[in-house]
Amino acid sequence: MKGKFKSIKNQIIFFFIGVMMFQIAAVLLFAVFHLHPSIRDMYSEHLEKFSRAALWEMVSEKKKIETYMVNIIGDTEIQSFLENADVAGENSSAPAMSVELRNRILSYTDYDSMIRSIYLIDNQGRIYSNLSQNGIAGFLAGKEGLKGRKEAAAVWYSDYTEEDIVVYRIINNNTNDLTRKIGAICMVIDKDLLIAKMDQFLMEATQDYTLAGYDGQMYLSSADTDAEIDEQNYIISKQEGEDWYLYTWIDKSTAYAPIYMIFKILSAEMLVLSFISIGLVIYLSGRITRPISDIRNAMKQIGKGNTEVEVPISGEDEIGQLAATLNRMSKKIEDLVEQIRTEESNHRLLELKAMQYQINPHFLYNTLDAIGMFARKNNDKQCEELVIALSDFFRISLNHGQEFVSLQTELEYVRCYLEIQNVRFPDQINWVFDVEQGLYDIIIMKFILQPLVENSIYHGIRNAGRRGEIRIQACRGGGDIVLKVSDDGSGMRPEELTDLYAEINSDQDVHKDIHEGGFGLKNVHQRLKLLYGAGSGLQIESEWDEGTVITICIPNRLINAEGQVGEDYEQIKISKSQTGENR
């Protein structure tokens, strides 16, 4: 089993099956421990809200009916009618209710379809209505508590008939004695229409309810059994109002049936997807690992020295490209081995020649000093000065192999170069060094000013055909160190300046030198950008027949003599031990 697990195919199969099973387990655990309780809680919360709305609707209907009663009771004609009936007494005949009075009573109810009938009752128990009075008379006769009732609040009775509810309220005199009873009013309410108002706010058709009053007279229930309702098997909600309360419940198995169905479907889908995924993993792992096995076998043959083996290329994907590469590699191994042997031999030969061609700089200095001594003995002043300048030029350029020098050393190097050129082109070049106090000791890259001076001589002053001046300036500007080389030579036209910028900013290796053997503007420009940043390259300004100004801006940081990033220019000085110079 352990050996089989080492194969890539089996590892892929086990890995993806493990990932798949983990995801399935995570989904199921999430569904069982989080989603299922959340849905149940949400369902219970919605049940509470709907039950609360249903009770609110019932209370609103109760208040509406009772408001109808209050409006009827307060009518002066109805008050007068009951007063007359009360004055006539029990032995006298009851006054007749006119059609106008009946219509007046109905108008106060807005002809509400929920109200089946309205009855007026005087103190002698006589009932006034255009409908049959037998049912209501028998019902009221059976309610002993109503005869001596003095409370003005309405009483709701749900036991009148299976289809109707009776609302009873006494009528007091509202003119002379507010506490004197002059009669009563009864309304018969359609039970189905009242319940329909509540049903529209219940969540489920299977949801049972009990609507009851605290006085025990009002009791409506949809349950046909007195079975015990417990929270273990039912979702229960109880909403309490001022006079009524609503008690609703629904069987959990019925309420959660959609949830259980969702989980069953989800489980079935996960099971089907699992089998499909396992089949796809086995198939794909075989397709992936078969070419890898071919490559492995071929590499074993190549390792044994059989470079003629060739791997079949199954496609253009990564594995196919790997097989093609392996085939090319096996064909070139012998050539590469022979090439390495040849290169190693040539490398050793070149190292030997390099050691033979090494020249001691002191030998060069001594030779130039000897030439200068002979020129002095022969009173050849010009030759002596030229040899001394050339000796100093070589000494500064070598600088013990250091890449960074002080500004004073770089200016000395430029001076030597100008003296040599002055001998070559007598009475054609003037030069001025204008250096701000305190800048001689700053550290800069060497060989960044001489190529600019060389450019001014060969492409500025000589082309102008007159004596020219070269000015080398160093100053502080905007927190940076600014170096300028300017001349009053021939200058450049705009298109020539554009071409020059394109040349020095080109990334191509082929470039045009300012003078044969010189470093060239491009060389200086690229070195400045590499060391000091993109903003430190050459900035060239030129006007035709007026001259050229080349500016270098070095940020207020520097490279010290050891080649490390230093601090502010004011904080770094070059010691004599570092430069080997005397100020």
Protein backbone atom coordinates (compact mmCIF):
# COMPACT_ATOMS: atom_id res chain seq x y z
CA MET A 1 0.00 0.00 0.00
CA LYS A 2 2.87 2.35 0.87
CA GLY A 3 4.55 1.69 -2.48
CA LYS A 4 1.35 2.33 -4.41
CA PHE A 5 0.83 5.64 -2.61
CA LYS A 6 4.21 6.88 -3.89
CA SER A 7 2.94 7.07 -7.47
CA ILE A 8 1.76 10.49 -8.66
CA LYS A 9 -1.47 9.02 -10.01
CA ASN A 10 -2.48 7.58 -6.66
CA GLN A 11 -1.42 10.73 -4.84
CA ILE A 12 -3.60 12.83 -7.16
CA ILE A 13 -6.55 10.47 -6.65
CA PHE A 14 -6.21 10.37 -2.87
CA PHE A 15 -5.61 14.10 -2.65
CA PHE A 16 -8.67 15.11 -4.67
CA ILE A 17 -10.87 12.53 -2.98
CA GLY A 18 -9.69 13.82 0.40
CA VAL A 19 -10.38 17.43 -0.63
CA MET A 20 -13.79 16.46 -1.98
CA MET A 21 -14.74 14.54 1.17
CA PHE A 22 -13.56 17.42 3.32
CA GLN A 23 -15.73 19.86 1.36
CA ILE A 24 -18.73 17.54 1.57
CA ALA A 25 -18.23 17.12 5.31
CA ALA A 26 -17.82 20.87 5.75
CA VAL A 27 -21.03 21.56 3.80
CA LEU A 28 -22.98 18.94 5.75
CA LEU A 29 -21.67 20.15 9.11
CA PHE A 30 -22.49 23.71 8.15
CA ALA A 31 -25.98 22.67 7.08
CA VAL A 32 -26.63 20.63 10.23
CA PHE A 33 -25.12 22.91 12.87
CA HIS A 34 -25.65 26.34 11.37
CA LEU A 35 -28.00 26.45 8.40
CA HIS A 36 -30.68 24.17 9.87
CA PRO A 37 -30.90 26.03 13.23
CA SER A 38 -30.79 29.38 11.40
CA ILE A 39 -33.71 28.41 9.15
CA ARG A 40 -35.67 27.14 12.15
CA ASP A 41 -35.00 30.34 14.09
CA MET A 42 -35.95 32.42 11.07
CA TYR A 43 -39.14 30.42 10.64
CA SER A 44 -40.04 30.88 14.31
CA GLU A 45 -39.29 34.58 14.09
CA HIS A 46 -41.54 34.97 11.06
CA LEU A 47 -44.25 32.97 12.81
CA GLU A 48 -44.06 35.40 15.73
CA LYS A 49 -44.34 38.39 13.40
CA PHE A 50 -47.31 36.96 11.50
CA SER A 51 -49.06 36.00 14.75
CA ARG A 52 -48.51 39.49 16.10
CA ALA A 53 -49.97 40.95 12.91
CA ALA A 54 -52.96 38.59 13.12
CA LEU A 55 -53.73 39.65 16.71
CA TRP A 56 -53.32 43.29 15.75
CA GLU A 57 -55.85 42.77 12.92
CA MET A 58 -58.35 41.12 15.32
CA VAL A 59 -57.97 43.92 17.86
CA SER A 60 -58.47 46.46 15.07
CA GLU A 61 -61.71 44.73 14.01
CA LYS A 62 -62.85 44.63 17.66
CA LYS A 63 -62.23 48.34 18.05
CA LYS A 64 -64.03 49.06 14.78
CA ILE A 65 -67.20 47.18 15.89
CA GLU A 66 -67.14 48.83 19.30
CA THR A 67 -66.69 52.23 17.65
CA TYR A 68 -69.83 51.55 15.62
CA MET A 69 -71.65 50.90 18.90
CA VAL A 70 -70.40 54.09 20.52
CA ASN A 71 -71.57 56.15 17.55
CA ILE A 72 -75.02 54.51 17.61
CA ILE A 73 -75.38 54.95 21.38
CA GLY A 74 -74.58 58.64 21.17
CA ASP A 75 -77.27 59.36 18.58
CA THR A 76 -79.99 61.64 20.10
CA GLU A 77 -82.89 59.95 18.25
CA ILE A 78 -81.84 56.52 19.54
CA GLN A 79 -81.46 57.96 23.05
CA SER A 80 -84.96 59.49 22.75
CA PHE A 81 -86.44 56.24 21.43
CA LEU A 82 -85.11 54.23 24.41
CA GLU A 83 -86.16 56.95 26.87
CA ASN A 84 -89.72 56.79 25.55
CA ALA A 85 -89.74 53.00 25.80
CA ASP A 86 -88.47 53.24 29.38
CA VAL A 87 -91.13 55.83 30.30
CA ALA A 88 -93.96 53.75 28.77
CA GLY A 89 -93.20 51.00 31.23
CA GLU A 90 -93.59 47.28 31.10
CA ASN A 91 -97.40 47.30 30.89
CA SER A 92 -97.62 49.71 28.00
CA SER A 93 -97.16 48.73 24.40
CA ALA A 94 -93.68 49.09 22.98
CA PRO A 95 -93.04 52.01 20.63
CA ALA A 96 -92.58 51.09 17.00
CA MET A 97 -89.12 51.50 15.35
CA SER A 98 -89.43 53.47 12.17
CA VAL A 99 -87.63 52.62 8.92
CA GLU A 100 -85.77 55.92 9.15
CA LEU A 101 -84.40 54.97 12.56
CA ARG A 102 -83.29 51.55 11.33
CA ASN A 103 -81.50 53.13 8.36
CA ARG A 104 -79.93 55.67 10.68
CA ILE A 105 -78.51 52.85 12.79
CA LEU A 106 -77.12 51.06 9.73
CA SER A 107 -75.50 54.23 8.45
CA TYR A 108 -73.24 54.32 11.51
CA THR A 109 -71.77 50.94 10.49
CA ASP A 110 -70.98 51.96 6.91
CA TYR A 111 -73.12 48.96 5.98
CA ASP A 112 -70.29 46.65 7.03
CA SER A 113 -70.90 43.18 5.59
CA MET A 114 -69.44 41.57 8.71
CA ILE A 115 -72.44 42.78 10.76
CA ARG A 116 -75.38 40.42 10.21
CA SER A 117 -77.92 42.28 12.42
CA ILE A 118 -78.30 45.00 15.08
CA TYR A 119 -80.76 44.86 18.00
CA LEU A 120 -81.87 47.57 20.46
CA ILE A 121 -83.15 46.36 23.86
CA ASP A 122 -85.04 48.51 26.40
CA ASN A 123 -85.02 48.07 30.17
CA GLN A 124 -88.09 45.85 30.02
CA GLY A 125 -86.22 43.38 27.77
CA ARG A 126 -88.16 44.22 24.66
CA ILE A 127 -86.10 43.83 21.48
CA TYR A 128 -86.35 46.16 18.50
CA SER A 129 -85.29 45.06 15.02
CA ASN A 130 -86.73 44.22 11.63
CA LEU A 131 -85.38 40.69 11.92
CA SER A 132 -86.49 37.66 13.91
CA GLN A 133 -85.95 38.17 17.60
CA ASN A 134 -86.41 34.61 18.87
CA GLY A 135 -82.77 33.57 18.65
CA ILE A 136 -81.30 36.65 20.28
CA ALA A 137 -84.04 36.76 22.92
CA GLY A 138 -83.35 33.21 24.01
CA PHE A 139 -79.61 33.79 24.03
CA LEU A 140 -79.82 36.94 26.18
CA ALA A 141 -82.26 35.25 28.52
CA GLY A 142 -79.70 32.58 29.18
CA LYS A 143 -77.05 35.16 30.17
CA GLU A 144 -78.06 35.92 33.75
CA GLY A 145 -75.18 38.32 34.26
CA LEU A 146 -76.40 40.73 31.62
CA LYS A 147 -79.59 41.76 33.52
CA GLY A 148 -77.80 43.60 36.25
CA ARG A 149 -74.72 44.61 34.20
CA LYS A 150 -73.67 48.22 34.78
CA GLU A 151 -70.30 48.30 33.02
CA ALA A 152 -70.33 50.28 29.79
CA ALA A 153 -67.69 48.11 28.08
CA ALA A 154 -68.77 45.79 25.28
CA VAL A 155 -68.90 42.04 25.89
CA TRP A 156 -68.09 39.53 23.12
CA TYR A 157 -69.80 36.12 23.13
CA SER A 158 -68.58 33.44 20.74
CA ASP A 159 -71.16 30.80 21.81
CA TYR A 160 -74.21 32.37 20.14
CA THR A 161 -74.22 30.05 17.13
CA GLU A 162 -71.58 28.18 15.16
CA GLU A 163 -71.68 30.89 12.50
CA ASP A 164 -72.15 34.06 14.57
CA ILE A 165 -70.71 36.08 17.43
CA VAL A 166 -72.74 38.43 19.64
CA VAL A 167 -71.42 41.77 20.91
CA TYR A 168 -73.46 43.25 23.80
CA ARG A 169 -73.19 46.71 25.37
CA ILE A 170 -75.47 48.68 27.71
CA ILE A 171 -76.75 52.15 26.80
CA ASN A 172 -76.73 54.88 29.47
CA ASN A 173 -78.53 58.22 29.37
CA ASN A 174 -76.03 60.72 27.97
CA THR A 175 -77.97 63.90 28.76
CA ASN A 176 -79.26 63.99 32.37
CA ASP A 177 -77.80 61.02 34.25
CA LEU A 178 -74.81 59.30 32.63
CA THR A 179 -75.05 56.37 35.03
CA ARG A 180 -78.72 55.57 34.37
CA LYS A 181 -79.25 52.63 32.07
CA ILE A 182 -81.89 53.15 29.40
CA GLY A 183 -81.29 50.02 27.33
CA ALA A 184 -78.69 47.95 25.46
CA ILE A 185 -77.46 47.20 21.95
CA CYS A 186 -76.51 43.86 20.40
CA MET A 187 -74.63 43.22 17.19
CA VAL A 188 -74.45 39.82 15.55
CA ILE A 189 -71.07 39.38 13.77
CA ASP A 190 -70.35 36.89 10.98
CA LYS A 191 -67.80 34.55 12.55
CA ASP A 192 -66.36 33.35 9.22
CA LEU A 193 -65.72 36.88 7.96
CA LEU A 194 -64.05 37.82 11.23
CA ILE A 195 -61.83 34.72 11.17
CA ALA A 196 -60.98 35.38 7.50
CA LYS A 197 -59.44 38.68 8.58
CA MET A 198 -57.09 36.74 10.85
CA ASP A 199 -56.38 33.86 8.43
CA GLN A 200 -54.75 36.17 5.91
CA PHE A 201 -51.98 36.88 8.42
CA LEU A 202 -51.22 33.27 9.34
CA MET A 203 -48.11 31.76 7.73
CA GLU A 204 -49.40 28.28 6.97
CA ALA A 205 -52.80 26.84 6.14
CA THR A 206 -52.06 24.06 8.64
CA GLN A 207 -51.38 26.52 11.44
CA ASP A 208 -53.85 26.18 14.31
CA TYR A 209 -54.95 29.00 16.58
CA THR A 210 -57.00 29.99 19.61
CA LEU A 211 -58.34 33.54 19.91
CA ALA A 212 -59.82 34.18 23.34
CA GLY A 213 -60.70 36.96 25.74
CA TYR A 214 -59.47 37.19 29.29
CA ASP A 215 -63.09 37.22 30.56
CA GLY A 216 -63.70 33.74 29.14
CA GLN A 217 -66.69 34.76 26.98
CA MET A 218 -64.79 35.01 23.68
CA TYR A 219 -63.18 31.77 22.48
CA LEU A 220 -62.42 30.87 18.86
CA SER A 221 -60.25 27.85 18.03
CA SER A 222 -59.37 25.93 14.88
CA ALA A 223 -58.35 22.79 16.79
CA ASP A 224 -60.78 19.89 16.94
CA THR A 225 -58.97 18.09 19.75
CA ASP A 226 -57.87 18.79 23.25
CA ALA A 227 -54.50 17.15 22.70
CA GLU A 228 -51.60 18.56 24.69
CA ILE A 229 -49.54 21.11 22.79
CA ASP A 230 -45.85 20.95 23.80
CA GLU A 231 -42.82 22.81 22.50
CA GLN A 232 -41.02 19.58 21.64
CA ASN A 233 -43.42 18.74 18.82
CA TYR A 234 -44.89 22.14 17.98
CA ILE A 235 -43.75 25.65 17.18
CA ILE A 236 -45.80 27.80 19.56
CA SER A 237 -46.48 31.51 19.58
CA LYS A 238 -48.55 33.45 22.12
CA GLN A 239 -49.42 37.09 21.53
CA GLU A 240 -51.20 39.04 24.25
CA GLY A 241 -53.37 42.10 23.77
CA GLU A 242 -55.32 44.33 26.17
CA ASP A 243 -58.55 42.26 26.10
CA TRP A 244 -57.71 39.27 23.87
CA TYR A 245 -54.80 36.95 23.34
CA LEU A 246 -53.86 34.83 20.31
CA TYR A 247 -52.32 31.42 20.76
CA THR A 248 -50.99 29.76 17.54
CA TRP A 249 -49.11 26.53 16.97
CA ILE A 250 -47.98 24.36 14.10
CA ASP A 251 -46.57 20.84 14.00
CA LYS A 252 -42.79 20.92 13.51
CA SER A 253 -42.87 17.99 11.10
CA THR A 254 -45.26 19.97 8.91
CA ALA A 255 -43.48 23.31 9.26
CA TYR A 256 -40.00 21.92 8.62
CA ALA A 257 -41.03 19.60 5.77
CA PRO A 258 -39.67 21.98 3.07
CA ILE A 259 -36.40 22.30 4.99
CA TYR A 260 -36.02 18.54 5.26
CA MET A 261 -36.77 18.22 1.56
CA ILE A 262 -34.05 20.74 0.73
CA PHE A 263 -31.53 18.78 2.80
CA LYS A 264 -32.52 15.52 1.15
CA ILE A 265 -32.06 17.03 -2.31
CA LEU A 266 -28.74 18.57 -1.25
CA SER A 267 -27.49 15.26 0.11
CA ALA A 268 -28.52 13.42 -3.07
CA GLU A 269 -26.76 16.01 -5.23
CA MET A 270 -23.59 15.79 -3.13
CA LEU A 271 -23.60 12.00 -3.43
CA VAL A 272 -24.03 12.09 -7.23
CA LEU A 273 -21.35 14.76 -7.58
CA SER A 274 -19.02 12.66 -5.44
CA PHE A 275 -19.25 9.65 -7.76
CA ILE A 276 -18.86 11.84 -10.85
CA SER A 277 -15.85 13.62 -9.31
CA ILE A 278 -14.14 10.36 -8.34
CA GLY A 279 -14.55 9.05 -11.90
CA LEU A 280 -13.18 12.26 -13.41
CA VAL A 281 -10.22 12.29 -11.01
CA ILE A 282 -9.26 8.71 -11.89
CA TYR A 283 -9.56 9.42 -15.62
CA LEU A 284 -7.66 12.72 -15.56
CA SER A 285 -4.92 11.44 -13.25
CA GLY A 286 -4.28 8.60 -15.72
CA ARG A 287 -4.00 11.00 -18.65
CA ILE A 288 -1.69 13.30 -16.72
CA THR A 289 0.64 10.70 -15.25
CA ARG A 290 1.02 8.41 -18.30
CA PRO A 291 3.26 10.86 -20.23
CA ILE A 292 5.17 11.58 -17.01
CA SER A 293 5.88 7.87 -16.64
CA ASP A 294 7.18 7.79 -20.22
CA ILE A 295 9.49 10.73 -19.46
CA ARG A 296 10.70 9.04 -16.25
CA ASN A 297 11.58 5.84 -18.11
CA ALA A 298 13.40 7.79 -20.82
CA MET A 299 15.43 9.71 -18.22
CA LYS A 300 16.51 6.43 -16.66
CA GLN A 301 17.80 5.30 -20.05
CA ILE A 302 19.63 8.58 -20.61
CA GLY A 303 21.16 8.25 -17.15
CA LYS A 304 22.56 4.89 -18.19
CA GLY A 305 24.19 6.49 -21.23
CA ASN A 306 21.61 5.68 -23.87
CA THR A 307 21.16 9.08 -25.49
CA GLU A 308 19.31 7.65 -28.51
CA VAL A 309 16.11 7.08 -26.54
CA GLU A 310 13.14 9.20 -27.68
CA VAL A 311 9.98 10.02 -25.69
CA PRO A 312 6.66 9.93 -27.60
CA ILE A 313 5.08 13.41 -27.67
CA SER A 314 1.40 13.16 -26.72
CA GLY A 315 0.38 16.77 -27.21
CA GLU A 316 1.38 20.44 -27.13
CA ASP A 317 0.70 21.01 -23.44
CA GLU A 318 3.37 21.47 -20.77
CA ILE A 319 4.11 17.74 -20.56
CA GLY A 320 4.35 17.48 -24.36
CA GLN A 321 6.76 20.42 -24.38
CA LEU A 322 8.76 18.73 -21.61
CA ALA A 323 8.99 15.54 -23.67
CA ALA A 324 10.13 17.48 -26.75
CA THR A 325 12.71 19.31 -24.67
CA LEU A 326 13.99 16.03 -23.26
CA ASN A 327 14.34 14.64 -26.79
CA ARG A 328 16.36 17.67 -27.88
CA MET A 329 18.44 17.50 -24.74
CA SER A 330 19.35 13.84 -25.24
CA LYS A 331 20.56 14.60 -28.77
CA LYS A 332 22.79 17.50 -27.67
CA ILE A 333 24.30 16.09 -24.50
CA GLU A 334 27.47 14.82 -26.23
CA ASP A 335 27.94 18.12 -28.10
CA LEU A 336 27.50 20.09 -24.89
CA VAL A 337 30.01 17.93 -23.03
CA GLU A 338 32.58 18.42 -25.77
CA GLN A 339 31.85 22.15 -25.89
CA ILE A 340 32.39 22.43 -22.13
CA ARG A 341 35.74 20.67 -22.43
CA THR A 342 36.83 23.06 -25.20
CA GLU A 343 35.67 26.15 -23.27
CA GLU A 344 37.49 25.07 -20.13
CA SER A 345 40.67 24.61 -22.13
CA ASN A 346 40.34 28.04 -23.77
CA HIS A 347 39.53 29.65 -20.40
CA ARG A 348 42.72 28.34 -18.85
CA LEU A 349 44.68 29.60 -21.89
CA LEU A 350 43.15 33.09 -21.63
CA GLU A 351 43.91 33.29 -17.89
CA LEU A 352 47.51 32.44 -18.65
CA LYS A 353 47.78 35.13 -21.33
CA ALA A 354 46.13 37.71 -19.05
CA MET A 355 48.74 37.06 -16.41
CA GLN A 356 51.48 37.52 -19.02
CA TYR A 357 50.02 40.86 -20.25
CA GLN A 358 49.68 42.50 -16.80
CA ILE A 359 51.58 45.81 -16.61
CA ASN A 360 52.73 47.46 -13.41
CA PRO A 361 51.43 51.08 -13.31
CA HIS A 362 54.64 52.20 -11.51
CA PHE A 363 56.65 51.16 -14.56
CA LEU A 364 54.51 53.49 -16.71
CA TYR A 365 54.95 56.41 -14.26
CA ASN A 366 58.76 55.86 -14.07
CA THR A 367 59.03 55.76 -17.87
CA LEU A 368 57.12 59.04 -18.27
CA ASP A 369 59.24 60.66 -15.52
CA ALA A 370 62.38 59.59 -17.37
CA ILE A 371 61.08 61.16 -20.60
CA GLY A 372 60.28 64.36 -18.67
CA MET A 373 63.80 64.46 -17.17
CA PHE A 374 65.41 64.19 -20.64
CA ALA A 375 63.13 66.99 -21.93
CA ARG A 376 64.18 69.19 -18.97
CA LYS A 377 67.89 68.52 -19.70
CA ASN A 378 67.33 69.51 -23.33
CA ASN A 379 65.42 72.65 -22.25
CA ASP A 380 62.28 71.46 -24.12
CA LYS A 381 59.75 73.18 -21.83
CA GLN A 382 56.68 72.31 -23.90
CA CYS A 383 57.57 68.62 -24.14
CA GLU A 384 58.25 68.54 -20.39
CA GLU A 385 54.85 70.05 -19.56
CA LEU A 386 53.10 67.64 -21.93
CA VAL A 387 54.79 64.59 -20.38
CA ILE A 388 54.01 65.76 -16.81
CA ALA A 389 50.35 66.36 -17.73
CA LEU A 390 50.14 62.93 -19.40
CA SER A 391 51.75 61.28 -16.33
CA ASP A 392 49.27 62.98 -13.99
CA PHE A 393 46.42 62.04 -16.36
CA PHE A 394 47.31 58.33 -16.21
CA ARG A 395 47.92 58.41 -12.46
CA ILE A 396 44.51 59.95 -11.71
CA SER A 397 42.68 57.71 -14.18
CA LEU A 398 44.11 54.56 -12.56
CA ASN A 399 43.48 55.87 -8.99
CA HIS A 400 44.44 52.52 -7.41
CA GLY A 401 41.39 50.90 -9.07
CA GLN A 402 38.86 53.03 -7.15
CA GLU A 403 35.56 53.91 -8.90
CA PHE A 404 34.78 57.03 -6.81
CA VAL A 405 36.91 60.16 -6.36
CA SER A 406 36.59 63.60 -4.84
CA LEU A 407 35.40 66.50 -6.98
CA GLN A 408 38.87 68.02 -6.62
CA THR A 409 40.45 64.86 -8.07
CA GLU A 410 37.97 64.81 -10.97
CA LEU A 411 38.70 68.49 -11.69
CA GLU A 412 42.45 67.78 -11.59
CA TYR A 413 41.87 64.99 -14.13
CA VAL A 414 39.99 67.48 -16.37
CA ARG A 415 42.77 70.05 -15.97
CA CYS A 416 45.40 67.55 -17.11
CA TYR A 417 43.25 66.66 -20.13
CA LEU A 418 42.78 70.37 -21.02
CA GLU A 419 46.53 71.05 -20.76
CA ILE A 420 47.22 68.16 -23.13
CA GLN A 421 44.57 69.47 -25.59
CA ASN A 422 45.95 73.01 -25.23
CA VAL A 423 49.33 71.78 -26.43
CA ARG A 424 47.62 70.07 -29.38
CA PHE A 425 45.39 73.08 -30.20
CA PRO A 426 47.40 76.12 -29.00
CA ASP A 427 45.61 79.42 -28.36
CA GLN A 428 42.14 77.87 -29.06
CA ILE A 429 40.88 76.86 -25.59
CA ASN A 430 40.27 78.85 -22.42
CA TRP A 431 38.87 77.15 -19.30
CA VAL A 432 37.45 78.36 -16.00
CA PHE A 433 36.71 76.32 -12.84
CA ASP A 434 33.89 77.87 -10.76
CA VAL A 435 33.40 75.70 -7.63
CA GLU A 436 31.30 76.71 -4.63
CA GLN A 437 33.17 76.71 -1.34
CA GLY A 438 32.98 73.40 0.52
CA LEU A 439 32.30 71.16 -2.51
CA TYR A 440 35.85 70.07 -3.33
CA ASP A 441 35.66 67.12 -0.93
CA ILE A 442 32.36 65.60 -2.07
CA ILE A 443 32.49 62.09 -3.49
CA ILE A 444 31.38 61.49 -7.10
CA MET A 445 31.88 58.88 -9.80
CA LYS A 446 35.10 59.39 -11.70
CA PHE A 447 35.19 60.13 -15.44
CA ILE A 448 31.87 62.06 -15.60
CA LEU A 449 33.27 65.56 -16.41
CA GLN A 450 36.14 64.76 -18.84
CA PRO A 451 33.79 63.28 -21.53
CA LEU A 452 31.66 66.42 -21.34
CA VAL A 453 34.75 68.64 -21.75
CA GLU A 454 35.88 66.46 -24.65
CA ASN A 455 32.44 66.95 -26.27
CA SER A 456 32.75 70.73 -25.86
CA ILE A 457 36.18 70.74 -27.59
CA TYR A 458 35.47 68.46 -30.56
CA HIS A 459 31.83 69.37 -31.27
CA GLY A 460 31.65 72.92 -29.98
CA ILE A 461 34.79 75.04 -30.00
CA ARG A 462 36.59 73.39 -32.96
CA ASN A 463 33.46 73.57 -35.14
CA ALA A 464 33.02 77.29 -34.28
CA GLY A 465 36.43 78.18 -35.86
CA ARG A 466 37.32 80.65 -33.11
CA ARG A 467 38.91 80.76 -29.67
CA GLY A 468 36.44 79.38 -27.15
CA GLU A 469 35.90 79.13 -23.42
CA ILE A 470 34.88 76.09 -21.39
CA ARG A 471 33.37 76.73 -17.95
CA ILE A 472 33.14 73.93 -15.33
CA GLN A 473 30.81 74.85 -12.43
CA ALA A 474 29.83 73.09 -9.17
CA CYS A 475 27.21 74.47 -6.79
CA ARG A 476 24.28 73.55 -4.56
CA GLY A 477 20.79 73.87 -5.97
CA GLY A 478 17.44 72.77 -4.51
CA GLY A 479 19.04 70.33 -2.09
CA ASP A 480 21.13 68.70 -4.84
CA ILE A 481 24.68 69.08 -6.11
CA VAL A 482 24.69 70.64 -9.59
CA LEU A 483 27.62 70.17 -11.99
CA LYS A 484 27.69 72.13 -15.27
CA VAL A 485 29.99 72.07 -18.30
CA SER A 486 29.29 74.92 -20.74
CA ASP A 487 30.99 76.25 -23.85
CA ASP A 488 30.47 79.13 -26.29
CA GLY A 489 31.03 76.97 -29.35
CA SER A 490 28.85 76.24 -32.37
CA GLY A 491 25.95 74.68 -30.42
CA MET A 492 23.27 72.42 -31.96
CA ARG A 493 20.10 72.81 -33.97
CA PRO A 494 16.83 71.54 -32.36
CA GLU A 495 16.71 68.41 -34.52
CA GLU A 496 20.33 67.61 -33.65
CA LEU A 497 19.55 67.99 -29.94
CA THR A 498 16.52 65.66 -30.35
CA ASP A 499 18.69 63.05 -32.08
CA LEU A 500 21.31 63.34 -29.33
CA TYR A 501 18.70 62.74 -26.58
CA ALA A 502 17.41 59.70 -28.48
CA GLU A 503 20.98 58.40 -28.75
CA ILE A 504 21.90 58.68 -25.06
CA ASN A 505 18.53 57.28 -23.89
CA SER A 506 18.64 54.28 -26.23
CA ASP A 507 18.89 50.83 -24.60
CA GLN A 508 20.86 49.44 -27.52
CA ASP A 509 24.47 48.52 -26.93
CA VAL A 510 25.68 50.17 -30.14
CA HIS A 511 26.31 53.86 -29.51
CA LYS A 512 28.17 56.79 -30.98
CA ASP A 513 31.25 58.04 -29.11
CA ILE A 514 31.93 61.73 -28.73
CA HIS A 515 35.54 61.19 -29.82
CA GLU A 516 37.32 58.06 -30.88
CA GLY A 517 38.53 56.39 -27.67
CA GLY A 518 36.39 58.64 -25.38
CA PHE A 519 33.72 57.51 -22.94
CA GLY A 520 30.91 59.28 -24.78
CA LEU A 521 27.84 61.11 -23.50
CA LYS A 522 25.74 57.95 -23.53
CA ASN A 523 28.24 56.17 -21.29
CA VAL A 524 28.14 58.99 -18.71
CA HIS A 525 24.35 59.34 -18.97
CA GLN A 526 23.71 55.63 -18.34
CA ARG A 527 26.23 55.44 -15.46
CA LEU A 528 24.65 58.44 -13.73
CA LYS A 529 21.15 56.99 -13.98
CA LEU A 530 22.27 53.58 -12.68
CA LEU A 531 24.04 55.05 -9.63
CA TYR A 532 22.11 58.19 -8.69
CA GLY A 533 18.64 57.47 -10.12
CA ALA A 534 16.67 58.32 -13.26
CA GLY A 535 16.63 62.06 -12.43
CA SER A 536 20.43 62.33 -12.38
CA GLY A 537 21.16 61.82 -16.08
CA LEU A 538 22.49 64.47 -18.43
CA GLN A 539 20.37 67.55 -19.12
CA ILE A 540 21.48 69.22 -22.36
CA GLU A 541 20.60 72.74 -23.49
CA SER A 542 21.96 74.12 -26.74
CA GLU A 543 21.40 77.06 -29.08
CA TRP A 544 22.81 77.16 -32.60
CA ASP A 545 25.91 79.38 -32.87
CA GLU A 546 25.67 80.27 -29.15
CA GLY A 547 26.94 77.23 -27.29
CA THR A 548 25.93 74.23 -25.21
CA VAL A 549 25.31 73.66 -21.47
CA ILE A 550 25.32 70.13 -20.02
CA THR A 551 24.00 69.78 -16.44
CA ILE A 552 24.32 66.92 -13.94
CA CYS A 553 22.09 66.89 -10.83
CA ILE A 554 23.25 64.53 -8.10
CA PRO A 555 20.81 63.96 -5.18
CA ASN A 556 21.95 65.09 -1.73
CA ARG A 557 23.38 61.66 -0.97
CA LEU A 558 26.67 60.25 -2.16
CA ILE A 559 28.89 57.22 -2.58
CA ASN A 560 31.90 57.23 -0.35
CA ALA A 561 35.34 56.01 -1.32
CA GLU A 562 34.51 52.43 -0.34
CA GLY A 563 31.54 52.37 -2.74
CA GLN A 564 28.87 52.43 -0.01
CA VAL A 565 25.85 54.73 0.12
CA GLY A 566 26.80 57.64 2.35
CA GLU A 567 24.98 60.42 4.19
CA ASP A 568 24.53 64.13 3.44
CA TYR A 569 27.31 65.88 1.49
CA GLU A 570 28.01 68.17 4.42
CA GLN A 571 28.68 65.17 6.71
CA ILE A 572 31.13 63.21 4.48
CA LYS A 573 34.69 64.33 3.95
CA ILE A 574 37.55 62.51 2.31
CA SER A 575 40.53 61.93 4.52
CA LYS A 576 44.03 62.05 3.15
CA SER A 577 44.45 58.42 4.01
CA GLN A 578 41.57 57.55 1.66
CA THR A 579 42.60 59.68 -1.33
CA GLY A 580 46.35 59.88 -1.04
CA GLU A 581 46.10 63.59 -1.95
CA ASN A 582 47.19 66.87 -0.34
CA ARG A 583 44.80 69.79 -0.56
